[in-house]
Amino acid sequence: MPDITRRDWFRLSAKSKTDGRRIGQQSPGLQAIPQPVNHDGIDLSELPPMREALLSPEQIRELFADIETHAVDILLMQRSPGAARASASRATTTGQLAAARDSLLAGTVPRIQLRYRWDNTDWIDTLENRDTEFRLVRIAHRARL
């Protein structure tokens, strides 16, 4: 992993301080997801932008470690195979995050959503197991003061 600041890790967009490489040289980095077709006439510019990236298992471990260390108000949402709905729980212990991470990496849970607050922003990370890599879809909501 290149040497980057925590702020840039969450954005997955910074250049390495040591060699100027972008994180995207190992993975595509966070790429913008295009706006959906607007059938309802709402102002789509008011929606927060969505970004996505493909991460390795090691990057998943680093992401969970960073969230555990730096995020607050962590909400974990996951759906067990065969369940109709996702269950939500506060991740208040290291063990809860570790169990979710391990379930995602092992493929026993195909998708996990983490909602948390970091740097006065509410983040929603959806992680999907795709066998050898993991899709991250990230949305950032500026907290209202």
C-alpha atoms as a PDB file:
ATOM      1  CA  MET A   1       0.000   0.000   0.000  1.00  0.00           C
ATOM      2  CA  PRO A   2       1.473   3.394  -0.903  1.00  0.00           C
ATOM      3  CA  ASP A   3       2.258   5.835   1.909  1.00  0.00           C
ATOM      4  CA  ILE A   4      -0.816   8.107   2.004  1.00  0.00           C
ATOM      5  CA  THR A   5      -2.772  10.102   4.537  1.00  0.00           C
ATOM      6  CA  ARG A   6      -5.866   8.655   6.221  1.00  0.00           C
ATOM      7  CA  ARG A   7      -8.026  11.255   4.469  1.00  0.00           C
ATOM      8  CA  ASP A   8      -6.710  10.109   1.086  1.00  0.00           C
ATOM      9  CA  TRP A   9      -7.043   6.416   1.961  1.00  0.00           C
ATOM     10  CA  PHE A  10     -10.737   6.952   2.577  1.00  0.00           C
ATOM     11  CA  ARG A  11     -10.961   8.654  -0.787  1.00  0.00           C
ATOM     12  CA  LEU A  12      -8.627   6.080  -2.440  1.00  0.00           C
ATOM     13  CA  SER A  13      -7.302   8.791  -4.722  1.00  0.00           C
ATOM     14  CA  ALA A  14      -4.001  10.101  -3.419  1.00  0.00           C
ATOM     15  CA  LYS A  15      -0.522   9.833  -4.832  1.00  0.00           C
ATOM     16  CA  SER A  16       2.147   8.080  -2.838  1.00  0.00           C
ATOM     17  CA  LYS A  17       4.439  10.488  -0.998  1.00  0.00           C
ATOM     18  CA  THR A  18       7.464   8.371  -1.885  1.00  0.00           C
ATOM     19  CA  ASP A  19       7.110   7.679  -5.593  1.00  0.00           C
ATOM     20  CA  GLY A  20       4.101   9.639  -6.883  1.00  0.00           C
ATOM     21  CA  ARG A  21       2.197   6.506  -7.917  1.00  0.00           C
ATOM     22  CA  ARG A  22      -1.551   6.434  -7.549  1.00  0.00           C
ATOM     23  CA  ILE A  23      -3.254   3.698  -5.599  1.00  0.00           C
ATOM     24  CA  GLY A  24      -5.031   2.956  -8.857  1.00  0.00           C
ATOM     25  CA  GLN A  25      -1.897   1.340 -10.251  1.00  0.00           C
ATOM     26  CA  GLN A  26      -2.695  -1.733  -8.165  1.00  0.00           C
ATOM     27  CA  SER A  27      -6.453  -1.389  -8.462  1.00  0.00           C
ATOM     28  CA  PRO A  28      -8.516   1.050 -10.487  1.00  0.00           C
ATOM     29  CA  GLY A  29      -9.064   3.269  -7.433  1.00  0.00           C
ATOM     30  CA  LEU A  30     -12.399   4.886  -6.805  1.00  0.00           C
ATOM     31  CA  GLN A  31     -14.098   5.679 -10.082  1.00  0.00           C
ATOM     32  CA  ALA A  32     -17.226   7.799 -10.406  1.00  0.00           C
ATOM     33  CA  ILE A  33     -20.452   5.916 -11.063  1.00  0.00           C
ATOM     34  CA  PRO A  34     -22.539   7.746 -13.680  1.00  0.00           C
ATOM     35  CA  GLN A  35     -25.824   9.334 -12.655  1.00  0.00           C
ATOM     36  CA  PRO A  36     -28.817   7.041 -13.263  1.00  0.00           C
ATOM     37  CA  VAL A  37     -31.456   7.810 -15.846  1.00  0.00           C
ATOM     38  CA  ASN A  38     -33.763  10.394 -14.298  1.00  0.00           C
ATOM     39  CA  HIS A  39     -37.360   9.214 -14.755  1.00  0.00           C
ATOM     40  CA  ASP A  40     -38.887  11.265 -11.934  1.00  0.00           C
ATOM     41  CA  GLY A  41     -37.628  14.748 -12.728  1.00  0.00           C
ATOM     42  CA  ILE A  42     -35.780  15.157  -9.428  1.00  0.00           C
ATOM     43  CA  ASP A  43     -32.596  17.204  -9.226  1.00  0.00           C
ATOM     44  CA  LEU A  44     -29.907  14.505  -9.376  1.00  0.00           C
ATOM     45  CA  SER A  45     -27.216  17.071  -8.586  1.00  0.00           C
ATOM     46  CA  GLU A  46     -28.511  17.054  -5.001  1.00  0.00           C
ATOM     47  CA  LEU A  47     -27.594  13.380  -4.606  1.00  0.00           C
ATOM     48  CA  PRO A  48     -24.176  12.555  -3.177  1.00  0.00           C
ATOM     49  CA  PRO A  49     -21.769  11.117  -5.740  1.00  0.00           C
ATOM     50  CA  MET A  50     -21.170   7.368  -5.762  1.00  0.00           C
ATOM     51  CA  ARG A  51     -17.754   5.896  -6.439  1.00  0.00           C
ATOM     52  CA  GLU A  52     -16.576   2.332  -6.885  1.00  0.00           C
ATOM     53  CA  ALA A  53     -13.341   0.356  -6.841  1.00  0.00           C
ATOM     54  CA  LEU A  54     -12.105  -3.216  -6.914  1.00  0.00           C
ATOM     55  CA  LEU A  55     -10.069  -4.171  -3.847  1.00  0.00           C
ATOM     56  CA  SER A  56      -7.818  -7.095  -3.016  1.00  0.00           C
ATOM     57  CA  PRO A  57      -8.301  -9.169   0.148  1.00  0.00           C
ATOM     58  CA  GLU A  58      -5.373  -7.288   1.740  1.00  0.00           C
ATOM     59  CA  GLN A  59      -7.014  -3.938   0.962  1.00  0.00           C
ATOM     60  CA  ILE A  60     -10.237  -5.219   2.561  1.00  0.00           C
ATOM     61  CA  ARG A  61      -8.282  -6.028   5.739  1.00  0.00           C
ATOM     62  CA  GLU A  62      -6.699  -2.547   5.688  1.00  0.00           C
ATOM     63  CA  LEU A  63     -10.074  -0.885   5.118  1.00  0.00           C
ATOM     64  CA  PHE A  64     -11.650  -2.688   8.080  1.00  0.00           C
ATOM     65  CA  ALA A  65      -8.623  -1.835  10.262  1.00  0.00           C
ATOM     66  CA  ASP A  66      -8.891   1.846   9.312  1.00  0.00           C
ATOM     67  CA  ILE A  67     -12.624   1.935   9.970  1.00  0.00           C
ATOM     68  CA  GLU A  68     -12.130   0.243  13.327  1.00  0.00           C
ATOM     69  CA  THR A  69      -9.367   2.698  14.288  1.00  0.00           C
ATOM     70  CA  HIS A  70     -10.688   5.986  12.903  1.00  0.00           C
ATOM     71  CA  ALA A  71     -14.453   5.778  12.392  1.00  0.00           C
ATOM     72  CA  VAL A  72     -17.252   6.292  14.915  1.00  0.00           C
ATOM     73  CA  ASP A  73     -20.938   5.315  14.995  1.00  0.00           C
ATOM     74  CA  ILE A  74     -20.272   2.195  12.927  1.00  0.00           C
ATOM     75  CA  LEU A  75     -23.372   0.365  11.723  1.00  0.00           C
ATOM     76  CA  LEU A  76     -22.932  -3.034  10.111  1.00  0.00           C
ATOM     77  CA  MET A  77     -25.567  -4.359   7.729  1.00  0.00           C
ATOM     78  CA  GLN A  78     -25.411  -7.844   6.285  1.00  0.00           C
ATOM     79  CA  ARG A  79     -27.788 -10.404   4.899  1.00  0.00           C
ATOM     80  CA  SER A  80     -27.261 -14.053   5.568  1.00  0.00           C
ATOM     81  CA  PRO A  81     -27.791 -16.455   2.660  1.00  0.00           C
ATOM     82  CA  GLY A  82     -31.493 -17.223   2.393  1.00  0.00           C
ATOM     83  CA  ALA A  83     -32.570 -14.241   4.498  1.00  0.00           C
ATOM     84  CA  ALA A  84     -35.112 -11.884   2.953  1.00  0.00           C
ATOM     85  CA  ARG A  85     -33.666  -8.766   4.587  1.00  0.00           C
ATOM     86  CA  ALA A  86     -30.370  -7.491   5.851  1.00  0.00           C
ATOM     87  CA  SER A  87     -29.867  -7.240   9.578  1.00  0.00           C
ATOM     88  CA  ALA A  88     -28.355  -4.099  11.076  1.00  0.00           C
ATOM     89  CA  SER A  89     -26.256  -3.937  14.214  1.00  0.00           C
ATOM     90  CA  ARG A  90     -23.947  -1.462  15.880  1.00  0.00           C
ATOM     91  CA  ALA A  91     -20.354  -2.601  15.565  1.00  0.00           C
ATOM     92  CA  THR A  92     -19.240  -1.774  19.079  1.00  0.00           C
ATOM     93  CA  THR A  93     -16.475  -4.355  19.431  1.00  0.00           C
ATOM     94  CA  THR A  94     -13.436  -5.359  17.441  1.00  0.00           C
ATOM     95  CA  GLY A  95     -14.828  -8.883  17.267  1.00  0.00           C
ATOM     96  CA  GLN A  96     -17.975  -7.789  15.423  1.00  0.00           C
ATOM     97  CA  LEU A  97     -15.997  -6.044  12.687  1.00  0.00           C
ATOM     98  CA  ALA A  98     -13.520  -8.922  12.479  1.00  0.00           C
ATOM     99  CA  ALA A  99     -16.347 -11.457  12.114  1.00  0.00           C
ATOM    100  CA  ALA A 100     -17.964  -9.395   9.344  1.00  0.00           C
ATOM    101  CA  ARG A 101     -14.624  -8.989   7.545  1.00  0.00           C
ATOM    102  CA  ASP A 102     -13.854 -12.709   7.814  1.00  0.00           C
ATOM    103  CA  SER A 103     -17.339 -13.670   6.587  1.00  0.00           C
ATOM    104  CA  LEU A 104     -16.929 -11.403   3.562  1.00  0.00           C
ATOM    105  CA  LEU A 105     -13.438 -12.694   2.780  1.00  0.00           C
ATOM    106  CA  ALA A 106     -14.556 -16.330   3.156  1.00  0.00           C
ATOM    107  CA  GLY A 107     -17.611 -15.779   0.961  1.00  0.00           C
ATOM    108  CA  THR A 108     -20.116 -16.908   3.588  1.00  0.00           C
ATOM    109  CA  VAL A 109     -21.719 -13.458   3.366  1.00  0.00           C
ATOM    110  CA  PRO A 110     -21.772 -12.136  -0.210  1.00  0.00           C
ATOM    111  CA  ARG A 111     -22.318  -8.453   0.660  1.00  0.00           C
ATOM    112  CA  ILE A 112     -21.731  -6.183   3.637  1.00  0.00           C
ATOM    113  CA  GLN A 113     -22.617  -2.561   4.117  1.00  0.00           C
ATOM    114  CA  LEU A 114     -20.736  -0.406   6.616  1.00  0.00           C
ATOM    115  CA  ARG A 115     -22.137   2.959   7.640  1.00  0.00           C
ATOM    116  CA  TYR A 116     -19.908   5.174   9.737  1.00  0.00           C
ATOM    117  CA  ARG A 117     -18.803   8.703  10.509  1.00  0.00           C
ATOM    118  CA  TRP A 118     -15.288   9.931   9.794  1.00  0.00           C
ATOM    119  CA  ASP A 119     -13.958  13.477   9.391  1.00  0.00           C
ATOM    120  CA  ASN A 120     -17.417  15.083   9.845  1.00  0.00           C
ATOM    121  CA  THR A 121     -18.774  12.999   6.973  1.00  0.00           C
ATOM    122  CA  ASP A 122     -21.194  10.071   6.982  1.00  0.00           C
ATOM    123  CA  TRP A 123     -19.875   7.265   4.784  1.00  0.00           C
ATOM    124  CA  ILE A 124     -21.659   4.253   3.327  1.00  0.00           C
ATOM    125  CA  ASP A 125     -19.387   1.496   2.015  1.00  0.00           C
ATOM    126  CA  THR A 126     -20.990  -1.479   0.304  1.00  0.00           C
ATOM    127  CA  LEU A 127     -18.596  -4.385  -0.175  1.00  0.00           C
ATOM    128  CA  GLU A 128     -19.376  -7.302  -2.460  1.00  0.00           C
ATOM    129  CA  ASN A 129     -17.379 -10.536  -2.713  1.00  0.00           C
ATOM    130  CA  ARG A 130     -16.453 -11.318  -6.319  1.00  0.00           C
ATOM    131  CA  ASP A 131     -14.308 -14.420  -5.657  1.00  0.00           C
ATOM    132  CA  THR A 132     -10.761 -13.059  -6.151  1.00  0.00           C
ATOM    133  CA  GLU A 133     -11.546  -9.376  -5.604  1.00  0.00           C
ATOM    134  CA  PHE A 134     -14.080  -7.229  -3.809  1.00  0.00           C
ATOM    135  CA  ARG A 135     -16.212  -4.447  -5.212  1.00  0.00           C
ATOM    136  CA  LEU A 136     -16.464  -1.338  -3.064  1.00  0.00           C
ATOM    137  CA  VAL A 137     -19.238   1.190  -3.694  1.00  0.00           C
ATOM    138  CA  ARG A 138     -18.789   4.298  -1.547  1.00  0.00           C
ATOM    139  CA  ILE A 139     -21.108   7.213  -0.867  1.00  0.00           C
ATOM    140  CA  ALA A 140     -20.123  10.203   1.278  1.00  0.00           C
ATOM    141  CA  HIS A 141     -22.757  12.449   2.891  1.00  0.00           C
ATOM    142  CA  ARG A 142     -21.566  15.702   4.405  1.00  0.00           C
ATOM    143  CA  ALA A 143     -22.889  15.886   7.941  1.00  0.00           C
ATOM    144  CA  ARG A 144     -25.337  18.691   8.544  1.00  0.00           C
ATOM    145  CA  LEU A 145     -24.315  20.952  11.407  1.00  0.00           C
END
